[in-house]
Amino acid sequence: MSASLSFRTGRITRYPIVWQDFGSVAAMLLAIMCCLLSNAETDFHTDAPYLLLPSTTERSYCGPETNILTISLDKTNKVYFSHDSKSVQAAAIRQVAAKRGVYFTIFQQRELVKIPYLGMDVRKLPAYLSLPDYERRKITLLGIPCSEGDNQLSECITAARAEALRGFDRMPLISIRTDYRLPYARIKNLFRNLQGLHLYRYYLITHNKPYNSDQL
């Protein structure tokens, strides 16, 4: 079973497992494999911040399936950061937090690897990670600070790129998710942020179908 990520739709294409009569031993091995897969860590775009992507009818570009750094910008101009490798993501967050004298307990570090993306000031993360999951869902995320005086987004990107280079032996592909209702002037601020890091190549994730009126 394999999956391919489309940068136009942000969807995952899944290929079915073909079952054949391999006997009882093969059936047992397949059952074990399915059990392991059900517990495997996933990072599909259903785990990304909610927003309405721009629509397009252009052909999609199918890029690599791993080592993807994603920046999301919602309709209220909140910024979120994620990497498909949660170990890379967590390591980057720890580095940014350590620069501000913020450190995590063993329990908080285990929880840090589980969060799908960063959407808050790293200084608030220890208290957030100490909460049970149902309490975290009640908290409104305010996005990552990315002002000139406290640009945690740029620091996360820089740290994640260094971690990805060590783990994958190549720099990550940078993808951008923006809400189509967001004024372009605000999106330009994100592009300037990336250019300040000398990053000029990235991919915009879009939606391939028009939205229904009840989605707007």
C-alpha atoms as a PDB file:
ATOM      1  CA  MET A   1       0.000   0.000   0.000  1.00  0.00           C
ATOM      2  CA  SER A   2       1.368   3.414  -0.911  1.00  0.00           C
ATOM      3  CA  ALA A   3       0.120   6.984  -0.964  1.00  0.00           C
ATOM      4  CA  SER A   4       0.883   9.971  -3.153  1.00  0.00           C
ATOM      5  CA  LEU A   5       0.377  13.598  -2.236  1.00  0.00           C
ATOM      6  CA  SER A   6      -1.094  15.965  -4.805  1.00  0.00           C
ATOM      7  CA  PHE A   7      -0.049  19.570  -4.329  1.00  0.00           C
ATOM      8  CA  ARG A   8      -3.128  20.750  -6.165  1.00  0.00           C
ATOM      9  CA  THR A   9      -5.726  19.068  -3.981  1.00  0.00           C
ATOM     10  CA  GLY A  10      -3.826  18.320  -0.791  1.00  0.00           C
ATOM     11  CA  ARG A  11      -5.496  14.893  -0.875  1.00  0.00           C
ATOM     12  CA  ILE A  12      -4.053  11.467  -0.282  1.00  0.00           C
ATOM     13  CA  THR A  13      -4.537   8.844  -2.964  1.00  0.00           C
ATOM     14  CA  ARG A  14      -4.646   5.388  -1.467  1.00  0.00           C
ATOM     15  CA  TYR A  15      -4.011   2.175  -3.346  1.00  0.00           C
ATOM     16  CA  PRO A  16      -5.847  -0.983  -2.207  1.00  0.00           C
ATOM     17  CA  ILE A  17      -4.131  -4.053  -0.816  1.00  0.00           C
ATOM     18  CA  VAL A  18      -4.638  -7.028  -3.142  1.00  0.00           C
ATOM     19  CA  TRP A  19      -5.566 -10.107  -1.180  1.00  0.00           C
ATOM     20  CA  GLN A  20      -4.714 -13.544  -2.530  1.00  0.00           C
ATOM     21  CA  ASP A  21      -4.852 -17.046  -1.130  1.00  0.00           C
ATOM     22  CA  PHE A  22      -1.371 -17.311   0.350  1.00  0.00           C
ATOM     23  CA  GLY A  23      -2.396 -19.668   3.107  1.00  0.00           C
ATOM     24  CA  SER A  24      -2.799 -19.271   6.852  1.00  0.00           C
ATOM     25  CA  VAL A  25       0.763 -18.084   7.519  1.00  0.00           C
ATOM     26  CA  ALA A  26       0.508 -15.267   4.972  1.00  0.00           C
ATOM     27  CA  ALA A  27      -2.894 -14.306   6.319  1.00  0.00           C
ATOM     28  CA  MET A  28      -1.459 -14.049   9.827  1.00  0.00           C
ATOM     29  CA  LEU A  29       1.430 -11.879   8.604  1.00  0.00           C
ATOM     30  CA  LEU A  30      -0.981  -9.585   6.775  1.00  0.00           C
ATOM     31  CA  ALA A  31      -3.109  -9.280   9.905  1.00  0.00           C
ATOM     32  CA  ILE A  32      -0.042  -8.262  11.935  1.00  0.00           C
ATOM     33  CA  MET A  33       0.968  -5.745   9.266  1.00  0.00           C
ATOM     34  CA  CYS A  34      -2.499  -4.160   9.264  1.00  0.00           C
ATOM     35  CA  CYS A  35      -2.394  -3.908  13.054  1.00  0.00           C
ATOM     36  CA  LEU A  36       0.941  -2.078  12.873  1.00  0.00           C
ATOM     37  CA  LEU A  37      -0.323   0.233  10.144  1.00  0.00           C
ATOM     38  CA  SER A  38      -3.395   1.124  12.181  1.00  0.00           C
ATOM     39  CA  ASN A  39      -1.109   2.375  14.948  1.00  0.00           C
ATOM     40  CA  ALA A  40       1.319   4.158  12.629  1.00  0.00           C
ATOM     41  CA  GLU A  41       1.722   7.917  12.808  1.00  0.00           C
ATOM     42  CA  THR A  42      -0.030   9.782   9.990  1.00  0.00           C
ATOM     43  CA  ASP A  43       0.154  13.397   8.937  1.00  0.00           C
ATOM     44  CA  PHE A  44      -2.447  13.850   6.222  1.00  0.00           C
ATOM     45  CA  HIS A  45      -3.878  17.292   5.528  1.00  0.00           C
ATOM     46  CA  THR A  46      -6.917  16.453   7.664  1.00  0.00           C
ATOM     47  CA  ASP A  47      -4.521  17.229  10.541  1.00  0.00           C
ATOM     48  CA  ALA A  48      -3.767  20.674   9.137  1.00  0.00           C
ATOM     49  CA  PRO A  49      -5.437  23.920  10.271  1.00  0.00           C
ATOM     50  CA  TYR A  50      -8.873  24.407   8.726  1.00  0.00           C
ATOM     51  CA  LEU A  51      -9.048  26.832   5.812  1.00  0.00           C
ATOM     52  CA  LEU A  52     -10.538  27.097   2.320  1.00  0.00           C
ATOM     53  CA  LEU A  53      -7.801  26.619  -0.243  1.00  0.00           C
ATOM     54  CA  PRO A  54      -7.752  28.527  -3.531  1.00  0.00           C
ATOM     55  CA  SER A  55      -9.381  26.646  -6.413  1.00  0.00           C
ATOM     56  CA  THR A  56      -7.614  25.759  -9.629  1.00  0.00           C
ATOM     57  CA  THR A  57      -8.141  23.650 -12.724  1.00  0.00           C
ATOM     58  CA  GLU A  58      -4.461  23.470 -13.620  1.00  0.00           C
ATOM     59  CA  ARG A  59      -2.528  20.218 -13.736  1.00  0.00           C
ATOM     60  CA  SER A  60      -1.133  19.175 -10.393  1.00  0.00           C
ATOM     61  CA  TYR A  61       2.504  18.629  -9.550  1.00  0.00           C
ATOM     62  CA  CYS A  62       3.225  15.421  -7.660  1.00  0.00           C
ATOM     63  CA  GLY A  63       6.252  15.998  -5.535  1.00  0.00           C
ATOM     64  CA  PRO A  64       8.008  13.860  -2.919  1.00  0.00           C
ATOM     65  CA  GLU A  65       5.876  12.190  -0.294  1.00  0.00           C
ATOM     66  CA  THR A  66       8.210  12.873   2.627  1.00  0.00           C
ATOM     67  CA  ASN A  67      10.242  15.741   4.040  1.00  0.00           C
ATOM     68  CA  ILE A  68       7.575  18.380   3.457  1.00  0.00           C
ATOM     69  CA  LEU A  69       7.541  21.591   5.500  1.00  0.00           C
ATOM     70  CA  THR A  70       4.116  23.230   5.444  1.00  0.00           C
ATOM     71  CA  ILE A  71       3.170  26.785   6.355  1.00  0.00           C
ATOM     72  CA  SER A  72      -0.547  27.495   6.732  1.00  0.00           C
ATOM     73  CA  LEU A  73      -2.182  30.912   6.786  1.00  0.00           C
ATOM     74  CA  ASP A  74      -5.870  31.066   7.725  1.00  0.00           C
ATOM     75  CA  LYS A  75      -8.481  33.711   6.941  1.00  0.00           C
ATOM     76  CA  THR A  76      -7.711  35.636  10.137  1.00  0.00           C
ATOM     77  CA  ASN A  77      -4.000  35.845   9.220  1.00  0.00           C
ATOM     78  CA  LYS A  78      -2.918  33.285  11.813  1.00  0.00           C
ATOM     79  CA  VAL A  79       0.207  31.355  10.840  1.00  0.00           C
ATOM     80  CA  TYR A  80       0.871  27.669  11.515  1.00  0.00           C
ATOM     81  CA  PHE A  81       3.961  25.516  11.006  1.00  0.00           C
ATOM     82  CA  SER A  82       4.314  21.766  10.477  1.00  0.00           C
ATOM     83  CA  HIS A  83       6.615  19.110   9.033  1.00  0.00           C
ATOM     84  CA  ASP A  84       5.469  15.656   7.959  1.00  0.00           C
ATOM     85  CA  SER A  85       8.204  14.137  10.117  1.00  0.00           C
ATOM     86  CA  LYS A  86       7.042  14.772  13.664  1.00  0.00           C
ATOM     87  CA  SER A  87      10.551  14.152  15.007  1.00  0.00           C
ATOM     88  CA  VAL A  88      11.861  16.969  12.774  1.00  0.00           C
ATOM     89  CA  GLN A  89       8.956  19.197  13.773  1.00  0.00           C
ATOM     90  CA  ALA A  90       9.412  18.548  17.494  1.00  0.00           C
ATOM     91  CA  ALA A  91      13.191  19.089  17.307  1.00  0.00           C
ATOM     92  CA  ALA A  92      12.682  22.435  15.566  1.00  0.00           C
ATOM     93  CA  ILE A  93      10.146  23.544  18.169  1.00  0.00           C
ATOM     94  CA  ARG A  94      12.453  22.543  21.023  1.00  0.00           C
ATOM     95  CA  GLN A  95      15.259  24.640  19.531  1.00  0.00           C
ATOM     96  CA  VAL A  96      13.055  27.712  19.162  1.00  0.00           C
ATOM     97  CA  ALA A  97      11.726  27.228  22.703  1.00  0.00           C
ATOM     98  CA  ALA A  98      15.219  26.778  24.190  1.00  0.00           C
ATOM     99  CA  LYS A  99      16.273  30.174  22.793  1.00  0.00           C
ATOM    100  CA  ARG A 100      13.574  31.659  25.029  1.00  0.00           C
ATOM    101  CA  GLY A 101      14.484  29.635  28.087  1.00  0.00           C
ATOM    102  CA  VAL A 102      11.538  27.272  27.612  1.00  0.00           C
ATOM    103  CA  TYR A 103      12.114  23.543  28.206  1.00  0.00           C
ATOM    104  CA  PHE A 104       9.807  20.539  28.313  1.00  0.00           C
ATOM    105  CA  THR A 105       9.362  17.716  30.782  1.00  0.00           C
ATOM    106  CA  ILE A 106       9.596  14.119  29.587  1.00  0.00           C
ATOM    107  CA  PHE A 107       5.799  13.909  29.477  1.00  0.00           C
ATOM    108  CA  GLN A 108       5.538  17.173  27.535  1.00  0.00           C
ATOM    109  CA  GLN A 109       8.159  15.980  25.034  1.00  0.00           C
ATOM    110  CA  ARG A 110       6.114  12.844  24.369  1.00  0.00           C
ATOM    111  CA  GLU A 111       3.059  14.994  23.793  1.00  0.00           C
ATOM    112  CA  LEU A 112       5.017  17.424  21.619  1.00  0.00           C
ATOM    113  CA  VAL A 113       5.666  14.689  19.043  1.00  0.00           C
ATOM    114  CA  LYS A 114       1.921  14.036  18.810  1.00  0.00           C
ATOM    115  CA  ILE A 115       0.718  17.534  17.908  1.00  0.00           C
ATOM    116  CA  PRO A 116      -0.032  17.833  14.160  1.00  0.00           C
ATOM    117  CA  TYR A 117       1.262  21.405  13.880  1.00  0.00           C
ATOM    118  CA  LEU A 118       2.456  24.400  15.874  1.00  0.00           C
ATOM    119  CA  GLY A 119      -0.110  27.171  16.158  1.00  0.00           C
ATOM    120  CA  MET A 120       0.914  29.212  19.189  1.00  0.00           C
ATOM    121  CA  ASP A 121       3.752  31.013  20.904  1.00  0.00           C
ATOM    122  CA  VAL A 122       6.275  28.374  22.037  1.00  0.00           C
ATOM    123  CA  ARG A 123       6.306  29.974  25.495  1.00  0.00           C
ATOM    124  CA  LYS A 124       2.731  28.750  25.988  1.00  0.00           C
ATOM    125  CA  LEU A 125       3.438  25.201  24.853  1.00  0.00           C
ATOM    126  CA  PRO A 126       4.447  23.614  28.198  1.00  0.00           C
ATOM    127  CA  ALA A 127       1.123  24.532  29.820  1.00  0.00           C
ATOM    128  CA  TYR A 128      -0.767  23.479  26.672  1.00  0.00           C
ATOM    129  CA  LEU A 129       0.965  20.088  26.449  1.00  0.00           C
ATOM    130  CA  SER A 130       0.249  19.398  30.124  1.00  0.00           C
ATOM    131  CA  LEU A 131      -3.500  19.553  29.497  1.00  0.00           C
ATOM    132  CA  PRO A 132      -5.550  16.477  28.589  1.00  0.00           C
ATOM    133  CA  ASP A 133      -6.533  16.234  24.939  1.00  0.00           C
ATOM    134  CA  TYR A 134     -10.157  17.217  25.510  1.00  0.00           C
ATOM    135  CA  GLU A 135      -9.047  20.419  27.267  1.00  0.00           C
ATOM    136  CA  ARG A 136      -6.647  21.329  24.442  1.00  0.00           C
ATOM    137  CA  ARG A 137      -9.494  21.213  21.951  1.00  0.00           C
ATOM    138  CA  LYS A 138     -11.223  24.027  23.820  1.00  0.00           C
ATOM    139  CA  ILE A 139      -8.276  26.379  23.368  1.00  0.00           C
ATOM    140  CA  THR A 140      -8.303  28.815  20.450  1.00  0.00           C
ATOM    141  CA  LEU A 141      -4.908  28.828  18.765  1.00  0.00           C
ATOM    142  CA  LEU A 142      -3.622  32.325  18.045  1.00  0.00           C
ATOM    143  CA  GLY A 143      -0.961  31.350  15.512  1.00  0.00           C
ATOM    144  CA  ILE A 144       2.819  31.612  15.625  1.00  0.00           C
ATOM    145  CA  PRO A 145       4.383  35.019  16.283  1.00  0.00           C
ATOM    146  CA  CYS A 146       6.145  36.247  13.146  1.00  0.00           C
ATOM    147  CA  SER A 147       6.756  39.909  13.882  1.00  0.00           C
ATOM    148  CA  GLU A 148      10.107  41.582  13.398  1.00  0.00           C
ATOM    149  CA  GLY A 149      10.815  41.503  17.119  1.00  0.00           C
ATOM    150  CA  ASP A 150       9.717  37.909  17.692  1.00  0.00           C
ATOM    151  CA  ASN A 151       9.799  35.913  14.457  1.00  0.00           C
ATOM    152  CA  GLN A 152       9.239  32.387  15.720  1.00  0.00           C
ATOM    153  CA  LEU A 153       8.022  31.253  12.294  1.00  0.00           C
ATOM    154  CA  SER A 154      11.355  32.048  10.631  1.00  0.00           C
ATOM    155  CA  GLU A 155      13.202  30.338  13.474  1.00  0.00           C
ATOM    156  CA  CYS A 156      11.025  27.222  13.131  1.00  0.00           C
ATOM    157  CA  ILE A 157      11.669  27.089   9.385  1.00  0.00           C
ATOM    158  CA  THR A 158      15.426  27.493   9.816  1.00  0.00           C
ATOM    159  CA  ALA A 159      15.607  24.859  12.564  1.00  0.00           C
ATOM    160  CA  ALA A 160      13.393  22.407  10.653  1.00  0.00           C
ATOM    161  CA  ARG A 161      15.490  22.757   7.500  1.00  0.00           C
ATOM    162  CA  ALA A 162      18.645  21.933   9.453  1.00  0.00           C
ATOM    163  CA  GLU A 163      16.984  18.952  11.162  1.00  0.00           C
ATOM    164  CA  ALA A 164      15.562  17.696   7.843  1.00  0.00           C
ATOM    165  CA  LEU A 165      18.961  17.929   6.186  1.00  0.00           C
ATOM    166  CA  ARG A 166      20.406  15.721   8.912  1.00  0.00           C
ATOM    167  CA  GLY A 167      17.542  13.239   8.819  1.00  0.00           C
ATOM    168  CA  PHE A 168      16.799  13.069   5.075  1.00  0.00           C
ATOM    169  CA  ASP A 169      20.122  14.239   3.622  1.00  0.00           C
ATOM    170  CA  ARG A 170      18.262  16.915   1.645  1.00  0.00           C
ATOM    171  CA  MET A 171      16.401  20.128   2.314  1.00  0.00           C
ATOM    172  CA  PRO A 172      12.618  19.867   2.753  1.00  0.00           C
ATOM    173  CA  LEU A 173      10.145  20.926   0.115  1.00  0.00           C
ATOM    174  CA  ILE A 174       8.226  23.979   1.324  1.00  0.00           C
ATOM    175  CA  SER A 175       4.477  24.016   0.731  1.00  0.00           C
ATOM    176  CA  ILE A 176       2.107  26.863   1.525  1.00  0.00           C
ATOM    177  CA  ARG A 177      -1.570  26.592   2.435  1.00  0.00           C
ATOM    178  CA  THR A 178      -3.453  29.882   2.403  1.00  0.00           C
ATOM    179  CA  ASP A 179      -7.140  30.623   2.787  1.00  0.00           C
ATOM    180  CA  TYR A 180      -8.456  32.094  -0.464  1.00  0.00           C
ATOM    181  CA  ARG A 181     -10.468  34.663   1.515  1.00  0.00           C
ATOM    182  CA  LEU A 182      -7.276  36.221   2.858  1.00  0.00           C
ATOM    183  CA  PRO A 183      -6.245  39.497   1.137  1.00  0.00           C
ATOM    184  CA  TYR A 184      -3.177  39.112  -1.052  1.00  0.00           C
ATOM    185  CA  ALA A 185      -1.416  41.923   0.827  1.00  0.00           C
ATOM    186  CA  ARG A 186      -1.227  39.674   3.886  1.00  0.00           C
ATOM    187  CA  ILE A 187       0.049  36.728   1.860  1.00  0.00           C
ATOM    188  CA  LYS A 188       2.810  38.971   0.529  1.00  0.00           C
ATOM    189  CA  ASN A 189       4.038  39.401   4.104  1.00  0.00           C
ATOM    190  CA  LEU A 190       4.563  35.640   4.286  1.00  0.00           C
ATOM    191  CA  PHE A 191       6.477  35.674   1.003  1.00  0.00           C
ATOM    192  CA  ARG A 192       8.688  38.487   2.327  1.00  0.00           C
ATOM    193  CA  ASN A 193       9.329  36.396   5.421  1.00  0.00           C
ATOM    194  CA  LEU A 194      10.520  33.500   3.263  1.00  0.00           C
ATOM    195  CA  GLN A 195      12.613  35.759   1.061  1.00  0.00           C
ATOM    196  CA  GLY A 196      14.278  37.070   4.196  1.00  0.00           C
ATOM    197  CA  LEU A 197      15.491  33.488   4.704  1.00  0.00           C
ATOM    198  CA  HIS A 198      16.639  33.366   1.057  1.00  0.00           C
ATOM    199  CA  LEU A 199      13.856  30.931   0.194  1.00  0.00           C
ATOM    200  CA  TYR A 200      12.391  31.590  -3.221  1.00  0.00           C
ATOM    201  CA  ARG A 201      10.925  28.242  -4.242  1.00  0.00           C
ATOM    202  CA  TYR A 202       7.786  26.814  -2.675  1.00  0.00           C
ATOM    203  CA  TYR A 203       4.514  25.213  -3.704  1.00  0.00           C
ATOM    204  CA  LEU A 204       0.995  26.513  -3.182  1.00  0.00           C
ATOM    205  CA  ILE A 205      -1.495  23.832  -2.217  1.00  0.00           C
ATOM    206  CA  THR A 206      -4.834  24.367  -3.940  1.00  0.00           C
ATOM    207  CA  HIS A 207      -8.269  22.779  -4.213  1.00  0.00           C
ATOM    208  CA  ASN A 208      -9.432  21.268  -7.493  1.00  0.00           C
ATOM    209  CA  LYS A 209     -13.192  21.786  -7.181  1.00  0.00           C
ATOM    210  CA  PRO A 210     -15.437  24.844  -6.696  1.00  0.00           C
ATOM    211  CA  TYR A 211     -16.804  25.272  -3.177  1.00  0.00           C
ATOM    212  CA  ASN A 212     -20.471  24.811  -2.367  1.00  0.00           C
ATOM    213  CA  SER A 213     -22.328  27.795  -0.949  1.00  0.00           C
ATOM    214  CA  ASP A 214     -22.623  26.088   2.446  1.00  0.00           C
ATOM    215  CA  GLN A 215     -18.806  25.827   2.645  1.00  0.00           C
ATOM    216  CA  LEU A 216     -18.206  29.561   2.228  1.00  0.00           C
END
